[in-house]
Amino acid sequence: MPPGMVDAIAPLIATFMIGIFILLFPLSRRLGRVLEEWIKLRHESSPDRDRLERLELGVREIRQLVEGIDQRMELLAERQDFMESLIESKKVASLPSEAGPASF
């Protein structure tokens, strides 16, 4: 490269770099602020995330308890139906039959 060309290109490169700095500096500051806010929100929302996970765990436990109670209620209903049918069959068996001889 000829020595005169370097003297002509150096100010152009310096002007170009200063211009890029002037243009990109506000954008980089804005990007930095956006990243700071994103990080803050992420860290601030983690207690909410933990709270939400605890609530979901509590809901799952309650659902399991309710399902257990429902199963017990179904079992009790089956037992009650069985006992009622036994009582009814004993009543029918203890009634005197009309076709048989009377034992007076």
PDB file of N, CA and C in Angstrom:
ATOM      1  N   MET A   1       0.820  -1.162   0.000  1.00  0.00           N
ATOM      2  CA  MET A   1       0.000   0.000   0.000  1.00  0.00           C
ATOM      3  C   MET A   1       0.888   1.258   0.000  1.00  0.00           C
ATOM      4  N   PRO A   2       0.538   2.183  -0.801  1.00  0.00           N
ATOM      5  CA  PRO A   2       1.351   3.422  -0.818  1.00  0.00           C
ATOM      6  C   PRO A   2       1.157   4.201   0.483  1.00  0.00           C
ATOM      7  N   PRO A   3       2.180   4.929   0.929  1.00  0.00           N
ATOM      8  CA  PRO A   3       2.091   5.652   2.194  1.00  0.00           C
ATOM      9  C   PRO A   3       1.037   6.753   2.191  1.00  0.00           C
ATOM     10  N   GLY A   4       0.725   7.334   1.093  1.00  0.00           N
ATOM     11  CA  GLY A   4      -0.276   8.389   1.050  1.00  0.00           C
ATOM     12  C   GLY A   4      -1.692   7.850   1.244  1.00  0.00           C
ATOM     13  N   MET A   5      -1.895   6.625   0.844  1.00  0.00           N
ATOM     14  CA  MET A   5      -3.222   6.016   0.968  1.00  0.00           C
ATOM     15  C   MET A   5      -3.559   5.739   2.437  1.00  0.00           C
ATOM     16  N   VAL A   6      -2.592   5.332   3.228  1.00  0.00           N
ATOM     17  CA  VAL A   6      -2.810   5.071   4.650  1.00  0.00           C
ATOM     18  C   VAL A   6      -3.208   6.376   5.336  1.00  0.00           C
ATOM     19  N   ASP A   7      -2.572   7.486   4.962  1.00  0.00           N
ATOM     20  CA  ASP A   7      -2.915   8.782   5.551  1.00  0.00           C
ATOM     21  C   ASP A   7      -4.342   9.190   5.182  1.00  0.00           C
ATOM     22  N   ALA A   8      -4.839   8.773   4.022  1.00  0.00           N
ATOM     23  CA  ALA A   8      -6.190   9.131   3.599  1.00  0.00           C
ATOM     24  C   ALA A   8      -7.235   8.194   4.227  1.00  0.00           C
ATOM     25  N   ILE A   9      -6.872   6.956   4.422  1.00  0.00           N
ATOM     26  CA  ILE A   9      -7.831   5.970   4.959  1.00  0.00           C
ATOM     27  C   ILE A   9      -7.960   6.087   6.477  1.00  0.00           C
ATOM     28  N   ALA A  10      -6.918   6.468   7.183  1.00  0.00           N
ATOM     29  CA  ALA A  10      -6.944   6.536   8.652  1.00  0.00           C
ATOM     30  C   ALA A  10      -8.047   7.458   9.157  1.00  0.00           C
ATOM     31  N   PRO A  11      -8.208   8.688   8.632  1.00  0.00           N
ATOM     32  CA  PRO A  11      -9.306   9.512   9.135  1.00  0.00           C
ATOM     33  C   PRO A  11     -10.681   8.941   8.793  1.00  0.00           C
ATOM     34  N   LEU A  12     -10.794   8.278   7.623  1.00  0.00           N
ATOM     35  CA  LEU A  12     -12.068   7.652   7.264  1.00  0.00           C
ATOM     36  C   LEU A  12     -12.427   6.530   8.238  1.00  0.00           C
ATOM     37  N   ILE A  13     -11.460   5.734   8.580  1.00  0.00           N
ATOM     38  CA  ILE A  13     -11.695   4.635   9.521  1.00  0.00           C
ATOM     39  C   ILE A  13     -12.038   5.199  10.897  1.00  0.00           C
ATOM     40  N   ALA A  14     -11.316   6.232  11.328  1.00  0.00           N
ATOM     41  CA  ALA A  14     -11.593   6.841  12.631  1.00  0.00           C
ATOM     42  C   ALA A  14     -13.001   7.437  12.649  1.00  0.00           C
ATOM     43  N   THR A  15     -13.380   8.134  11.575  1.00  0.00           N
ATOM     44  CA  THR A  15     -14.722   8.715  11.494  1.00  0.00           C
ATOM     45  C   THR A  15     -15.776   7.624  11.492  1.00  0.00           C
ATOM     46  N   PHE A  16     -15.521   6.572  10.756  1.00  0.00           N
ATOM     47  CA  PHE A  16     -16.454   5.437  10.691  1.00  0.00           C
ATOM     48  C   PHE A  16     -16.625   4.814  12.082  1.00  0.00           C
ATOM     49  N   MET A  17     -15.539   4.595  12.809  1.00  0.00           N
ATOM     50  CA  MET A  17     -15.614   3.981  14.135  1.00  0.00           C
ATOM     51  C   MET A  17     -16.323   4.902  15.128  1.00  0.00           C
ATOM     52  N   ILE A  18     -16.042   6.209  15.063  1.00  0.00           N
ATOM     53  CA  ILE A  18     -16.724   7.146  15.954  1.00  0.00           C
ATOM     54  C   ILE A  18     -18.220   7.185  15.632  1.00  0.00           C
ATOM     55  N   GLY A  19     -18.571   7.165  14.387  1.00  0.00           N
ATOM     56  CA  GLY A  19     -19.974   7.158  13.988  1.00  0.00           C
ATOM     57  C   GLY A  19     -20.685   5.911  14.466  1.00  0.00           C
ATOM     58  N   ILE A  20     -20.031   4.785  14.319  1.00  0.00           N
ATOM     59  CA  ILE A  20     -20.636   3.526  14.786  1.00  0.00           C
ATOM     60  C   ILE A  20     -20.793   3.557  16.301  1.00  0.00           C
ATOM     61  N   PHE A  21     -19.800   4.083  17.003  1.00  0.00           N
ATOM     62  CA  PHE A  21     -19.904   4.188  18.458  1.00  0.00           C
ATOM     63  C   PHE A  21     -21.077   5.083  18.847  1.00  0.00           C
ATOM     64  N   ILE A  22     -21.210   6.218  18.166  1.00  0.00           N
ATOM     65  CA  ILE A  22     -22.309   7.143  18.461  1.00  0.00           C
ATOM     66  C   ILE A  22     -23.656   6.481  18.179  1.00  0.00           C
ATOM     67  N   LEU A  23     -23.749   5.686  17.133  1.00  0.00           N
ATOM     68  CA  LEU A  23     -25.010   5.018  16.802  1.00  0.00           C
ATOM     69  C   LEU A  23     -25.302   3.831  17.710  1.00  0.00           C
ATOM     70  N   LEU A  24     -24.290   3.055  17.991  1.00  0.00           N
ATOM     71  CA  LEU A  24     -24.521   1.821  18.737  1.00  0.00           C
ATOM     72  C   LEU A  24     -24.531   1.998  20.247  1.00  0.00           C
ATOM     73  N   PHE A  25     -23.929   3.044  20.775  1.00  0.00           N
ATOM     74  CA  PHE A  25     -23.882   3.219  22.220  1.00  0.00           C
ATOM     75  C   PHE A  25     -25.276   3.335  22.837  1.00  0.00           C
ATOM     76  N   PRO A  26     -26.167   4.185  22.304  1.00  0.00           N
ATOM     77  CA  PRO A  26     -27.526   4.220  22.894  1.00  0.00           C
ATOM     78  C   PRO A  26     -28.265   2.894  22.758  1.00  0.00           C
ATOM     79  N   LEU A  27     -28.064   2.208  21.645  1.00  0.00           N
ATOM     80  CA  LEU A  27     -28.713   0.900  21.477  1.00  0.00           C
ATOM     81  C   LEU A  27     -28.182  -0.107  22.487  1.00  0.00           C
ATOM     82  N   SER A  28     -26.881  -0.091  22.711  1.00  0.00           N
ATOM     83  CA  SER A  28     -26.313  -1.048  23.667  1.00  0.00           C
ATOM     84  C   SER A  28     -26.755  -0.709  25.091  1.00  0.00           C
ATOM     85  N   ARG A  29     -26.876   0.589  25.432  1.00  0.00           N
ATOM     86  CA  ARG A  29     -27.382   0.952  26.755  1.00  0.00           C
ATOM     87  C   ARG A  29     -28.823   0.487  26.923  1.00  0.00           C
ATOM     88  N   ARG A  30     -29.633   0.686  25.884  1.00  0.00           N
ATOM     89  CA  ARG A  30     -31.033   0.256  25.940  1.00  0.00           C
ATOM     90  C   ARG A  30     -31.120  -1.267  26.072  1.00  0.00           C
ATOM     91  N   LEU A  31     -30.287  -1.966  25.321  1.00  0.00           N
ATOM     92  CA  LEU A  31     -30.262  -3.424  25.413  1.00  0.00           C
ATOM     93  C   LEU A  31     -29.840  -3.859  26.813  1.00  0.00           C
ATOM     94  N   GLY A  32     -28.883  -3.148  27.396  1.00  0.00           N
ATOM     95  CA  GLY A  32     -28.455  -3.452  28.769  1.00  0.00           C
ATOM     96  C   GLY A  32     -29.589  -3.273  29.754  1.00  0.00           C
ATOM     97  N   ARG A  33     -30.356  -2.188  29.619  1.00  0.00           N
ATOM     98  CA  ARG A  33     -31.506  -1.960  30.514  1.00  0.00           C
ATOM     99  C   ARG A  33     -32.556  -3.056  30.356  1.00  0.00           C
ATOM    100  N   VAL A  34     -32.815  -3.428  29.105  1.00  0.00           N
ATOM    101  CA  VAL A  34     -33.797  -4.483  28.859  1.00  0.00           C
ATOM    102  C   VAL A  34     -33.341  -5.786  29.499  1.00  0.00           C
ATOM    103  N   LEU A  35     -32.062  -6.110  29.357  1.00  0.00           N
ATOM    104  CA  LEU A  35     -31.540  -7.336  29.968  1.00  0.00           C
ATOM    105  C   LEU A  35     -31.622  -7.265  31.494  1.00  0.00           C
ATOM    106  N   GLU A  36     -31.329  -6.098  32.074  1.00  0.00           N
ATOM    107  CA  GLU A  36     -31.447  -5.942  33.525  1.00  0.00           C
ATOM    108  C   GLU A  36     -32.879  -6.185  33.987  1.00  0.00           C
ATOM    109  N   GLU A  37     -33.838  -5.607  33.294  1.00  0.00           N
ATOM    110  CA  GLU A  37     -35.252  -5.792  33.656  1.00  0.00           C
ATOM    111  C   GLU A  37     -35.659  -7.250  33.522  1.00  0.00           C
ATOM    112  N   TRP A  38     -35.202  -7.895  32.473  1.00  0.00           N
ATOM    113  CA  TRP A  38     -35.533  -9.308  32.255  1.00  0.00           C
ATOM    114  C   TRP A  38     -34.976 -10.166  33.388  1.00  0.00           C
ATOM    115  N   ILE A  39     -33.725  -9.868  33.779  1.00  0.00           N
ATOM    116  CA  ILE A  39     -33.107 -10.629  34.869  1.00  0.00           C
ATOM    117  C   ILE A  39     -33.843 -10.362  36.178  1.00  0.00           C
ATOM    118  N   LYS A  40     -34.206  -9.107  36.436  1.00  0.00           N
ATOM    119  CA  LYS A  40     -34.962  -8.785  37.653  1.00  0.00           C
ATOM    120  C   LYS A  40     -36.285  -9.531  37.688  1.00  0.00           C
ATOM    121  N   LEU A  41     -37.001  -9.487  36.583  1.00  0.00           N
ATOM    122  CA  LEU A  41     -38.296 -10.161  36.530  1.00  0.00           C
ATOM    123  C   LEU A  41     -38.140 -11.654  36.733  1.00  0.00           C
ATOM    124  N   ARG A  42     -37.109 -12.196  36.163  1.00  0.00           N
ATOM    125  CA  ARG A  42     -36.879 -13.627  36.306  1.00  0.00           C
ATOM    126  C   ARG A  42     -36.592 -13.999  37.752  1.00  0.00           C
ATOM    127  N   HIS A  43     -35.782 -13.186  38.411  1.00  0.00           N
ATOM    128  CA  HIS A  43     -35.450 -13.480  39.804  1.00  0.00           C
ATOM    129  C   HIS A  43     -36.613 -13.154  40.733  1.00  0.00           C
ATOM    130  N   GLU A  44     -37.362 -12.117  40.429  1.00  0.00           N
ATOM    131  CA  GLU A  44     -38.498 -11.782  41.270  1.00  0.00           C
ATOM    132  C   GLU A  44     -39.633 -12.771  41.101  1.00  0.00           C
ATOM    133  N   SER A  45     -39.759 -13.346  39.921  1.00  0.00           N
ATOM    134  CA  SER A  45     -40.857 -14.275  39.686  1.00  0.00           C
ATOM    135  C   SER A  45     -40.545 -15.675  40.194  1.00  0.00           C
ATOM    136  N   SER A  46     -39.303 -15.954  40.565  1.00  0.00           N
ATOM    137  CA  SER A  46     -38.995 -17.293  41.051  1.00  0.00           C
ATOM    138  C   SER A  46     -39.721 -17.608  42.361  1.00  0.00           C
ATOM    139  N   PRO A  47     -39.914 -16.641  43.302  1.00  0.00           N
ATOM    140  CA  PRO A  47     -40.763 -16.997  44.454  1.00  0.00           C
ATOM    141  C   PRO A  47     -42.185 -17.315  44.029  1.00  0.00           C
ATOM    142  N   ASP A  48     -42.694 -16.603  43.025  1.00  0.00           N
ATOM    143  CA  ASP A  48     -44.023 -16.920  42.533  1.00  0.00           C
ATOM    144  C   ASP A  48     -44.050 -18.316  41.931  1.00  0.00           C
ATOM    145  N   ARG A  49     -42.984 -18.656  41.221  1.00  0.00           N
ATOM    146  CA  ARG A  49     -42.898 -19.982  40.626  1.00  0.00           C
ATOM    147  C   ARG A  49     -42.860 -21.042  41.719  1.00  0.00           C
ATOM    148  N   ASP A  50     -42.074 -20.795  42.775  1.00  0.00           N
ATOM    149  CA  ASP A  50     -42.014 -21.746  43.892  1.00  0.00           C
ATOM    150  C   ASP A  50     -43.376 -21.846  44.584  1.00  0.00           C
ATOM    151  N   ARG A  51     -44.015 -20.707  44.759  1.00  0.00           N
ATOM    152  CA  ARG A  51     -45.342 -20.704  45.385  1.00  0.00           C
ATOM    153  C   ARG A  51     -46.346 -21.458  44.540  1.00  0.00           C
ATOM    154  N   LEU A  52     -46.260 -21.258  43.219  1.00  0.00           N
ATOM    155  CA  LEU A  52     -47.161 -21.959  42.317  1.00  0.00           C
ATOM    156  C   LEU A  52     -46.926 -23.464  42.379  1.00  0.00           C
ATOM    157  N   GLU A  53     -45.663 -23.880  42.435  1.00  0.00           N
ATOM    158  CA  GLU A  53     -45.365 -25.312  42.538  1.00  0.00           C
ATOM    159  C   GLU A  53     -45.901 -25.882  43.853  1.00  0.00           C
ATOM    160  N   ARG A  54     -45.765 -25.118  44.962  1.00  0.00           N
ATOM    161  CA  ARG A  54     -46.299 -25.589  46.247  1.00  0.00           C
ATOM    162  C   ARG A  54     -47.817 -25.704  46.192  1.00  0.00           C
ATOM    163  N   LEU A  55     -48.452 -24.721  45.550  1.00  0.00           N
ATOM    164  CA  LEU A  55     -49.910 -24.781  45.421  1.00  0.00           C
ATOM    165  C   LEU A  55     -50.340 -25.975  44.585  1.00  0.00           C
ATOM    166  N   GLU A  56     -49.630 -26.225  43.484  1.00  0.00           N
ATOM    167  CA  GLU A  56     -49.973 -27.379  42.647  1.00  0.00           C
ATOM    168  C   GLU A  56     -49.781 -28.673  43.416  1.00  0.00           C
ATOM    169  N   LEU A  57     -48.736 -28.753  44.217  1.00  0.00           N
ATOM    170  CA  LEU A  57     -48.514 -29.949  45.033  1.00  0.00           C
ATOM    171  C   LEU A  57     -49.646 -30.124  46.040  1.00  0.00           C
ATOM    172  N   GLY A  58     -50.066 -29.019  46.660  1.00  0.00           N
ATOM    173  CA  GLY A  58     -51.185 -29.085  47.603  1.00  0.00           C
ATOM    174  C   GLY A  58     -52.463 -29.523  46.927  1.00  0.00           C
ATOM    175  N   VAL A  59     -52.711 -29.022  45.714  1.00  0.00           N
ATOM    176  CA  VAL A  59     -53.919 -29.408  44.976  1.00  0.00           C
ATOM    177  C   VAL A  59     -53.872 -30.898  44.649  1.00  0.00           C
ATOM    178  N   ARG A  60     -52.689 -31.393  44.247  1.00  0.00           N
ATOM    179  CA  ARG A  60     -52.573 -32.828  43.956  1.00  0.00           C
ATOM    180  C   ARG A  60     -52.848 -33.665  45.203  1.00  0.00           C
ATOM    181  N   GLU A  61     -52.327 -33.232  46.361  1.00  0.00           N
ATOM    182  CA  GLU A  61     -52.569 -33.973  47.609  1.00  0.00           C
ATOM    183  C   GLU A  61     -54.050 -33.965  47.965  1.00  0.00           C
ATOM    184  N   ILE A  62     -54.691 -32.815  47.813  1.00  0.00           N
ATOM    185  CA  ILE A  62     -56.128 -32.725  48.109  1.00  0.00           C
ATOM    186  C   ILE A  62     -56.922 -33.614  47.161  1.00  0.00           C
ATOM    187  N   ARG A  63     -56.539 -33.631  45.881  1.00  0.00           N
ATOM    188  CA  ARG A  63     -57.228 -34.476  44.911  1.00  0.00           C
ATOM    189  C   ARG A  63     -57.094 -35.946  45.300  1.00  0.00           C
ATOM    190  N   GLN A  64     -55.902 -36.355  45.740  1.00  0.00           N
ATOM    191  CA  GLN A  64     -55.719 -37.745  46.158  1.00  0.00           C
ATOM    192  C   GLN A  64     -56.575 -38.073  47.379  1.00  0.00           C
ATOM    193  N   LEU A  65     -56.636 -37.128  48.329  1.00  0.00           N
ATOM    194  CA  LEU A  65     -57.474 -37.363  49.507  1.00  0.00           C
ATOM    195  C   LEU A  65     -58.944 -37.488  49.127  1.00  0.00           C
ATOM    196  N   VAL A  66     -59.414 -36.623  48.245  1.00  0.00           N
ATOM    197  CA  VAL A  66     -60.818 -36.670  47.825  1.00  0.00           C
ATOM    198  C   VAL A  66     -61.108 -37.968  47.080  1.00  0.00           C
ATOM    199  N   GLU A  67     -60.167 -38.407  46.229  1.00  0.00           N
ATOM    200  CA  GLU A  67     -60.365 -39.681  45.524  1.00  0.00           C
ATOM    201  C   GLU A  67     -60.429 -40.838  46.514  1.00  0.00           C
ATOM    202  N   GLY A  68     -59.587 -40.799  47.564  1.00  0.00           N
ATOM    203  CA  GLY A  68     -59.637 -41.843  48.597  1.00  0.00           C
ATOM    204  C   GLY A  68     -60.968 -41.836  49.323  1.00  0.00           C
ATOM    205  N   ILE A  69     -61.466 -40.650  49.655  1.00  0.00           N
ATOM    206  CA  ILE A  69     -62.766 -40.550  50.324  1.00  0.00           C
ATOM    207  C   ILE A  69     -63.872 -41.055  49.409  1.00  0.00           C
ATOM    208  N   ASP A  70     -63.782 -40.726  48.122  1.00  0.00           N
ATOM    209  CA  ASP A  70     -64.793 -41.194  47.168  1.00  0.00           C
ATOM    210  C   ASP A  70     -64.797 -42.718  47.087  1.00  0.00           C
ATOM    211  N   GLN A  71     -63.616 -43.327  47.067  1.00  0.00           N
ATOM    212  CA  GLN A  71     -63.546 -44.791  47.026  1.00  0.00           C
ATOM    213  C   GLN A  71     -64.160 -45.398  48.287  1.00  0.00           C
ATOM    214  N   ARG A  72     -63.872 -44.787  49.440  1.00  0.00           N
ATOM    215  CA  ARG A  72     -64.451 -45.297  50.688  1.00  0.00           C
ATOM    216  C   ARG A  72     -65.964 -45.160  50.689  1.00  0.00           C
ATOM    217  N   MET A  73     -66.467 -44.045  50.173  1.00  0.00           N
ATOM    218  CA  MET A  73     -67.918 -43.848  50.117  1.00  0.00           C
ATOM    219  C   MET A  73     -68.571 -44.881  49.203  1.00  0.00           C
ATOM    220  N   GLU A  74     -67.931 -45.188  48.076  1.00  0.00           N
ATOM    221  CA  GLU A  74     -68.469 -46.218  47.180  1.00  0.00           C
ATOM    222  C   GLU A  74     -68.497 -47.572  47.878  1.00  0.00           C
ATOM    223  N   LEU A  75     -67.424 -47.869  48.615  1.00  0.00           N
ATOM    224  CA  LEU A  75     -67.376 -49.133  49.347  1.00  0.00           C
ATOM    225  C   LEU A  75     -68.474 -49.187  50.415  1.00  0.00           C
ATOM    226  N   LEU A  76     -68.676 -48.079  51.116  1.00  0.00           N
ATOM    227  CA  LEU A  76     -69.750 -48.034  52.121  1.00  0.00           C
ATOM    228  C   LEU A  76     -71.120 -48.203  51.465  1.00  0.00           C
ATOM    229  N   ALA A  77     -71.325 -47.597  50.310  1.00  0.00           N
ATOM    230  CA  ALA A  77     -72.609 -47.727  49.616  1.00  0.00           C
ATOM    231  C   ALA A  77     -72.832 -49.178  49.203  1.00  0.00           C
ATOM    232  N   GLU A  78     -71.787 -49.845  48.721  1.00  0.00           N
ATOM    233  CA  GLU A  78     -71.916 -51.264  48.338  1.00  0.00           C
ATOM    234  C   GLU A  78     -72.257 -52.113  49.562  1.00  0.00           C
ATOM    235  N   ARG A  79     -71.583 -51.842  50.685  1.00  0.00           N
ATOM    236  CA  ARG A  79     -71.856 -52.606  51.905  1.00  0.00           C
ATOM    237  C   ARG A  79     -73.279 -52.362  52.401  1.00  0.00           C
ATOM    238  N   GLN A  80     -73.712 -51.118  52.316  1.00  0.00           N
ATOM    239  CA  GLN A  80     -75.071 -50.798  52.752  1.00  0.00           C
ATOM    240  C   GLN A  80     -76.090 -51.509  51.868  1.00  0.00           C
ATOM    241  N   ASP A  81     -75.876 -51.500  50.554  1.00  0.00           N
ATOM    242  CA  ASP A  81     -76.783 -52.228  49.654  1.00  0.00           C
ATOM    243  C   ASP A  81     -76.798 -53.709  49.986  1.00  0.00           C
ATOM    244  N   PHE A  82     -75.627 -54.283  50.283  1.00  0.00           N
ATOM    245  CA  PHE A  82     -75.542 -55.694  50.614  1.00  0.00           C
ATOM    246  C   PHE A  82     -76.293 -55.985  51.914  1.00  0.00           C
ATOM    247  N   MET A  83     -76.085 -55.136  52.920  1.00  0.00           N
ATOM    248  CA  MET A  83     -76.778 -55.347  54.193  1.00  0.00           C
ATOM    249  C   MET A  83     -78.285 -55.197  54.040  1.00  0.00           C
ATOM    250  N   GLU A  84     -78.718 -54.211  53.253  1.00  0.00           N
ATOM    251  CA  GLU A  84     -80.159 -54.043  53.024  1.00  0.00           C
ATOM    252  C   GLU A  84     -80.742 -55.256  52.317  1.00  0.00           C
ATOM    253  N   SER A  85     -79.996 -55.819  51.355  1.00  0.00           N
ATOM    254  CA  SER A  85     -80.506 -57.009  50.661  1.00  0.00           C
ATOM    255  C   SER A  85     -80.544 -58.203  51.608  1.00  0.00           C
ATOM    256  N   LEU A  86     -79.556 -58.326  52.512  1.00  0.00           N
ATOM    257  CA  LEU A  86     -79.584 -59.414  53.509  1.00  0.00           C
ATOM    258  C   LEU A  86     -80.782 -59.261  54.448  1.00  0.00           C
ATOM    259  N   ILE A  87     -81.004 -58.063  54.906  1.00  0.00           N
ATOM    260  CA  ILE A  87     -82.136 -57.823  55.811  1.00  0.00           C
ATOM    261  C   ILE A  87     -83.449 -58.126  55.100  1.00  0.00           C
ATOM    262  N   GLU A  88     -83.561 -57.710  53.863  1.00  0.00           N
ATOM    263  CA  GLU A  88     -84.780 -57.962  53.086  1.00  0.00           C
ATOM    264  C   GLU A  88     -84.975 -59.465  52.879  1.00  0.00           C
ATOM    265  N   SER A  89     -83.884 -60.176  52.595  1.00  0.00           N
ATOM    266  CA  SER A  89     -84.026 -61.630  52.380  1.00  0.00           C
ATOM    267  C   SER A  89     -84.398 -62.340  53.677  1.00  0.00           C
ATOM    268  N   LYS A  90     -83.909 -61.867  54.822  1.00  0.00           N
ATOM    269  CA  LYS A  90     -84.293 -62.465  56.104  1.00  0.00           C
ATOM    270  C   LYS A  90     -85.754 -62.190  56.423  1.00  0.00           C
ATOM    271  N   LYS A  91     -86.218 -60.998  56.062  1.00  0.00           N
ATOM    272  CA  LYS A  91     -87.636 -60.683  56.275  1.00  0.00           C
ATOM    273  C   LYS A  91     -88.505 -61.597  55.442  1.00  0.00           C
ATOM    274  N   VAL A  92     -88.115 -61.822  54.197  1.00  0.00           N
ATOM    275  CA  VAL A  92     -88.901 -62.682  53.313  1.00  0.00           C
ATOM    276  C   VAL A  92     -88.857 -64.121  53.822  1.00  0.00           C
ATOM    277  N   ALA A  93     -87.713 -64.559  54.319  1.00  0.00           N
ATOM    278  CA  ALA A  93     -87.597 -65.932  54.812  1.00  0.00           C
ATOM    279  C   ALA A  93     -88.381 -66.123  56.108  1.00  0.00           C
ATOM    280  N   SER A  94     -88.481 -65.096  56.927  1.00  0.00           N
ATOM    281  CA  SER A  94     -89.174 -65.244  58.205  1.00  0.00           C
ATOM    282  C   SER A  94     -90.694 -65.135  58.068  1.00  0.00           C
ATOM    283  N   LEU A  95     -91.185 -64.647  56.954  1.00  0.00           N
ATOM    284  CA  LEU A  95     -92.636 -64.571  56.743  1.00  0.00           C
ATOM    285  C   LEU A  95     -93.186 -65.982  56.539  1.00  0.00           C
ATOM    286  N   PRO A  96     -94.360 -66.277  57.162  1.00  0.00           N
ATOM    287  CA  PRO A  96     -94.936 -67.612  56.924  1.00  0.00           C
ATOM    288  C   PRO A  96     -95.405 -67.719  55.491  1.00  0.00           C
ATOM    289  N   SER A  97     -95.153 -68.841  54.925  1.00  0.00           N
ATOM    290  CA  SER A  97     -95.592 -69.030  53.549  1.00  0.00           C
ATOM    291  C   SER A  97     -97.060 -69.373  53.520  1.00  0.00           C
ATOM    292  N   GLU A  98     -97.771 -68.887  52.550  1.00  0.00           N
ATOM    293  CA  GLU A  98     -99.197 -69.121  52.435  1.00  0.00           C
ATOM    294  C   GLU A  98     -99.510 -70.516  51.916  1.00  0.00           C
ATOM    295  N   ALA A  99     -98.589 -71.122  51.256  1.00  0.00           N
ATOM    296  CA  ALA A  99     -98.865 -72.437  50.652  1.00  0.00           C
ATOM    297  C   ALA A  99     -98.687 -73.547  51.675  1.00  0.00           C
ATOM    298  N   GLY A 100     -97.866 -73.327  52.696  1.00  0.00           N
ATOM    299  CA  GLY A 100     -97.604 -74.393  53.659  1.00  0.00           C
ATOM    300  C   GLY A 100     -98.695 -74.506  54.691  1.00  0.00           C
ATOM    301  N   PRO A 101     -98.697 -75.653  55.469  1.00  0.00           N
ATOM    302  CA  PRO A 101     -99.701 -75.835  56.517  1.00  0.00           C
ATOM    303  C   PRO A 101     -99.477 -74.860  57.650  1.00  0.00           C
ATOM    304  N   ALA A 102    -100.528 -74.449  58.231  1.00  0.00           N
ATOM    305  CA  ALA A 102    -100.471 -73.518  59.339  1.00  0.00           C
ATOM    306  C   ALA A 102    -100.150 -74.276  60.608  1.00  0.00           C
ATOM    307  N   SER A 103     -99.317 -73.762  61.406  1.00  0.00           N
ATOM    308  CA  SER A 103     -98.928 -74.462  62.640  1.00  0.00           C
ATOM    309  C   SER A 103     -99.551 -73.778  63.858  1.00  0.00           C
ATOM    310  N   PHE A 104    -100.872 -73.875  63.958  1.00  0.00           N
ATOM    311  CA  PHE A 104    -101.579 -73.309  65.098  1.00  0.00           C
ATOM    312  C   PHE A 104    -101.819 -74.343  66.106  1.00  0.00           C
TER     313      PHE A 104
END
